[in-house]
């Protein structure tokens, strides 16, 4: 599934940043298929990186900015499927996919394809028409 591939690519990017900082150019060149699937330009990648609460930007004068995971721990990467499951547990009923983004933590930046992929990959979540249901 395309959405799952994109989500996995973004998660792998974060895991790589947990072990080694990379410049925007290195990140851009390392995953061209992900950016193509998302339809992103390099500026959109930079914006996404800046919106991630667990990614920080380090830069010195006359050197390119490097991005890395805060604290360098890959276990700080949020599992979107688990976050969705907790939201659904809290509501106690299925939630329309269109409304799900509003119920997620404000510091979590996700796209609809990322949500769909996380739902499809999670063993206790399923889509029934426009609704997201907890099994």
C-alpha atoms as a PDB file:
ATOM      1  CA  UNK A   1       0.000   0.000   0.000  1.00  0.00           C
ATOM      2  CA  UNK A   2       1.359   3.413  -0.972  1.00  0.00           C
ATOM      3  CA  UNK A   3       0.305   5.186   2.243  1.00  0.00           C
ATOM      4  CA  UNK A   4       2.021   2.533   4.339  1.00  0.00           C
ATOM      5  CA  UNK A   5       5.218   2.927   2.325  1.00  0.00           C
ATOM      6  CA  UNK A   6       5.206   6.687   2.875  1.00  0.00           C
ATOM      7  CA  UNK A   7       4.581   6.334   6.620  1.00  0.00           C
ATOM      8  CA  UNK A   8       7.322   3.731   6.929  1.00  0.00           C
ATOM      9  CA  UNK A   9       9.692   6.007   5.009  1.00  0.00           C
ATOM     10  CA  UNK A  10       9.018   8.886   7.414  1.00  0.00           C
ATOM     11  CA  UNK A  11       9.444   6.613  10.432  1.00  0.00           C
ATOM     12  CA  UNK A  12      12.739   5.280   9.031  1.00  0.00           C
ATOM     13  CA  UNK A  13      13.904   8.841   8.474  1.00  0.00           C
ATOM     14  CA  UNK A  14      13.282   9.611  12.154  1.00  0.00           C
ATOM     15  CA  UNK A  15      15.025   6.427  13.276  1.00  0.00           C
ATOM     16  CA  UNK A  16      18.056   7.364  11.171  1.00  0.00           C
ATOM     17  CA  UNK A  17      18.069  10.851  12.682  1.00  0.00           C
ATOM     18  CA  UNK A  18      18.150   9.246  16.133  1.00  0.00           C
ATOM     19  CA  UNK A  19      21.508   7.686  15.318  1.00  0.00           C
ATOM     20  CA  UNK A  20      23.043  10.337  13.051  1.00  0.00           C
ATOM     21  CA  UNK A  21      22.266  13.967  12.279  1.00  0.00           C
ATOM     22  CA  UNK A  22      21.739  14.836   8.611  1.00  0.00           C
ATOM     23  CA  UNK A  23      21.441  17.964   6.524  1.00  0.00           C
ATOM     24  CA  UNK A  24      18.270  18.862   4.661  1.00  0.00           C
ATOM     25  CA  UNK A  25      19.992  17.958   1.366  1.00  0.00           C
ATOM     26  CA  UNK A  26      20.986  14.528   2.718  1.00  0.00           C
ATOM     27  CA  UNK A  27      17.446  13.875   3.906  1.00  0.00           C
ATOM     28  CA  UNK A  28      15.982  15.058   0.614  1.00  0.00           C
ATOM     29  CA  UNK A  29      18.283  12.862  -1.479  1.00  0.00           C
ATOM     30  CA  UNK A  30      17.912   9.779   0.746  1.00  0.00           C
ATOM     31  CA  UNK A  31      14.167   9.228   0.149  1.00  0.00           C
ATOM     32  CA  UNK A  32      13.104  10.538  -3.273  1.00  0.00           C
ATOM     33  CA  UNK A  33      10.230   8.046  -3.591  1.00  0.00           C
ATOM     34  CA  UNK A  34       8.663   9.197  -0.309  1.00  0.00           C
ATOM     35  CA  UNK A  35       8.787  12.849  -1.372  1.00  0.00           C
ATOM     36  CA  UNK A  36       7.410  11.971  -4.790  1.00  0.00           C
ATOM     37  CA  UNK A  37       4.512   9.991  -3.252  1.00  0.00           C
ATOM     38  CA  UNK A  38       3.698  12.907  -0.949  1.00  0.00           C
ATOM     39  CA  UNK A  39       4.133  15.426  -3.763  1.00  0.00           C
ATOM     40  CA  UNK A  40       6.492  17.439  -1.571  1.00  0.00           C
ATOM     41  CA  UNK A  41       9.169  19.940  -2.504  1.00  0.00           C
ATOM     42  CA  UNK A  42      12.272  20.372  -0.376  1.00  0.00           C
ATOM     43  CA  UNK A  43      10.672  23.356   1.371  1.00  0.00           C
ATOM     44  CA  UNK A  44       7.763  21.163   2.503  1.00  0.00           C
ATOM     45  CA  UNK A  45      10.195  18.628   3.958  1.00  0.00           C
ATOM     46  CA  UNK A  46      11.901  21.450   5.851  1.00  0.00           C
ATOM     47  CA  UNK A  47       8.538  22.620   7.206  1.00  0.00           C
ATOM     48  CA  UNK A  48       7.588  19.076   8.261  1.00  0.00           C
ATOM     49  CA  UNK A  49      10.931  18.679  10.061  1.00  0.00           C
ATOM     50  CA  UNK A  50      10.400  21.962  11.907  1.00  0.00           C
ATOM     51  CA  UNK A  51       6.897  20.860  12.981  1.00  0.00           C
ATOM     52  CA  UNK A  52       8.094  17.598  14.510  1.00  0.00           C
ATOM     53  CA  UNK A  53       8.370  18.019  18.284  1.00  0.00           C
ATOM     54  CA  UNK A  54      11.072  15.359  18.583  1.00  0.00           C
ATOM     55  CA  UNK A  55      13.364  16.761  15.868  1.00  0.00           C
ATOM     56  CA  UNK A  56      15.741  19.641  16.474  1.00  0.00           C
ATOM     57  CA  UNK A  57      17.814  21.693  14.065  1.00  0.00           C
ATOM     58  CA  UNK A  58      21.452  22.425  14.814  1.00  0.00           C
ATOM     59  CA  UNK A  59      23.486  24.799  12.735  1.00  0.00           C
ATOM     60  CA  UNK A  60      26.636  26.809  13.016  1.00  0.00           C
ATOM     61  CA  UNK A  61      27.551  29.844  10.999  1.00  0.00           C
ATOM     62  CA  UNK A  62      28.743  28.991   7.487  1.00  0.00           C
ATOM     63  CA  UNK A  63      27.697  25.342   7.901  1.00  0.00           C
ATOM     64  CA  UNK A  64      24.490  23.696   6.693  1.00  0.00           C
ATOM     65  CA  UNK A  65      21.807  23.020   9.294  1.00  0.00           C
ATOM     66  CA  UNK A  66      21.710  19.482  10.655  1.00  0.00           C
ATOM     67  CA  UNK A  67      18.554  17.787  11.882  1.00  0.00           C
ATOM     68  CA  UNK A  68      18.525  15.194  14.662  1.00  0.00           C
ATOM     69  CA  UNK A  69      16.203  13.606  17.183  1.00  0.00           C
ATOM     70  CA  UNK A  70      16.133  15.468  20.500  1.00  0.00           C
ATOM     71  CA  UNK A  71      18.007  13.376  23.034  1.00  0.00           C
ATOM     72  CA  UNK A  72      19.078  10.973  20.281  1.00  0.00           C
ATOM     73  CA  UNK A  73      16.598   8.281  21.305  1.00  0.00           C
ATOM     74  CA  UNK A  74      14.588   6.508  18.627  1.00  0.00           C
ATOM     75  CA  UNK A  75      12.069   5.317  21.227  1.00  0.00           C
ATOM     76  CA  UNK A  76      10.801   8.911  21.448  1.00  0.00           C
ATOM     77  CA  UNK A  77       9.205   8.550  18.003  1.00  0.00           C
ATOM     78  CA  UNK A  78       5.436   8.487  18.508  1.00  0.00           C
ATOM     79  CA  UNK A  79       3.465   5.507  17.249  1.00  0.00           C
ATOM     80  CA  UNK A  80       0.574   7.154  15.431  1.00  0.00           C
ATOM     81  CA  UNK A  81      -1.519   3.970  15.567  1.00  0.00           C
ATOM     82  CA  UNK A  82      -1.206   3.797  19.360  1.00  0.00           C
ATOM     83  CA  UNK A  83      -2.126   7.464  19.700  1.00  0.00           C
ATOM     84  CA  UNK A  84      -5.228   6.905  17.542  1.00  0.00           C
ATOM     85  CA  UNK A  85      -6.176   3.852  19.630  1.00  0.00           C
ATOM     86  CA  UNK A  86      -5.932   5.897  22.846  1.00  0.00           C
ATOM     87  CA  UNK A  87      -8.105   8.646  21.348  1.00  0.00           C
ATOM     88  CA  UNK A  88     -10.741   6.079  20.360  1.00  0.00           C
ATOM     89  CA  UNK A  89     -10.618   4.496  23.827  1.00  0.00           C
ATOM     90  CA  UNK A  90     -11.263   7.938  25.295  1.00  0.00           C
ATOM     91  CA  UNK A  91     -14.269   8.623  23.072  1.00  0.00           C
ATOM     92  CA  UNK A  92     -15.723   5.126  23.429  1.00  0.00           C
ATOM     93  CA  UNK A  93     -17.136   5.149  19.909  1.00  0.00           C
ATOM     94  CA  UNK A  94     -15.976   5.198  16.271  1.00  0.00           C
ATOM     95  CA  UNK A  95     -14.745   8.560  14.977  1.00  0.00           C
ATOM     96  CA  UNK A  96     -14.956   9.857  11.390  1.00  0.00           C
ATOM     97  CA  UNK A  97     -11.505  10.008   9.807  1.00  0.00           C
ATOM     98  CA  UNK A  98     -12.152  13.642   8.895  1.00  0.00           C
ATOM     99  CA  UNK A  99     -12.574  14.505  12.611  1.00  0.00           C
ATOM    100  CA  UNK A 100      -9.697  12.368  13.890  1.00  0.00           C
ATOM    101  CA  UNK A 101      -6.968  14.968  13.235  1.00  0.00           C
ATOM    102  CA  UNK A 102      -8.762  17.419  15.556  1.00  0.00           C
ATOM    103  CA  UNK A 103      -8.721  14.872  18.384  1.00  0.00           C
ATOM    104  CA  UNK A 104      -4.979  14.127  18.135  1.00  0.00           C
ATOM    105  CA  UNK A 105      -2.378  15.954  20.251  1.00  0.00           C
ATOM    106  CA  UNK A 106      -1.680  19.401  18.822  1.00  0.00           C
ATOM    107  CA  UNK A 107       2.065  18.697  18.570  1.00  0.00           C
ATOM    108  CA  UNK A 108       1.490  15.713  16.250  1.00  0.00           C
ATOM    109  CA  UNK A 109       1.698  16.718  12.589  1.00  0.00           C
ATOM    110  CA  UNK A 110       0.172  14.086  10.290  1.00  0.00           C
ATOM    111  CA  UNK A 111      -1.446  13.879   6.887  1.00  0.00           C
ATOM    112  CA  UNK A 112      -4.564  11.902   5.977  1.00  0.00           C
ATOM    113  CA  UNK A 113      -2.486   9.256   4.118  1.00  0.00           C
ATOM    114  CA  UNK A 114      -0.310   8.891   7.238  1.00  0.00           C
ATOM    115  CA  UNK A 115      -3.438   8.375   9.363  1.00  0.00           C
ATOM    116  CA  UNK A 116      -4.830   5.772   6.967  1.00  0.00           C
ATOM    117  CA  UNK A 117      -1.528   3.895   6.903  1.00  0.00           C
ATOM    118  CA  UNK A 118      -1.278   3.914  10.704  1.00  0.00           C
ATOM    119  CA  UNK A 119      -4.850   2.600  10.976  1.00  0.00           C
ATOM    120  CA  UNK A 120      -4.196  -0.145   8.412  1.00  0.00           C
ATOM    121  CA  UNK A 121      -0.961  -1.167  10.145  1.00  0.00           C
ATOM    122  CA  UNK A 122      -2.401  -1.266  13.683  1.00  0.00           C
ATOM    123  CA  UNK A 123      -3.866  -4.643  14.726  1.00  0.00           C
ATOM    124  CA  UNK A 124      -6.708  -3.105  16.801  1.00  0.00           C
ATOM    125  CA  UNK A 125      -7.854  -0.392  14.397  1.00  0.00           C
ATOM    126  CA  UNK A 126     -10.005  -0.595  11.298  1.00  0.00           C
ATOM    127  CA  UNK A 127     -11.788   1.659   8.845  1.00  0.00           C
ATOM    128  CA  UNK A 128     -15.495   1.041   8.304  1.00  0.00           C
ATOM    129  CA  UNK A 129     -16.518   3.458   5.592  1.00  0.00           C
ATOM    130  CA  UNK A 130     -15.535   6.935   6.816  1.00  0.00           C
ATOM    131  CA  UNK A 131     -15.297   5.799  10.466  1.00  0.00           C
ATOM    132  CA  UNK A 132     -12.235   4.662  12.393  1.00  0.00           C
ATOM    133  CA  UNK A 133     -13.131   1.903  14.858  1.00  0.00           C
ATOM    134  CA  UNK A 134     -11.259   0.269  17.719  1.00  0.00           C
ATOM    135  CA  UNK A 135     -11.572  -3.550  17.685  1.00  0.00           C
END
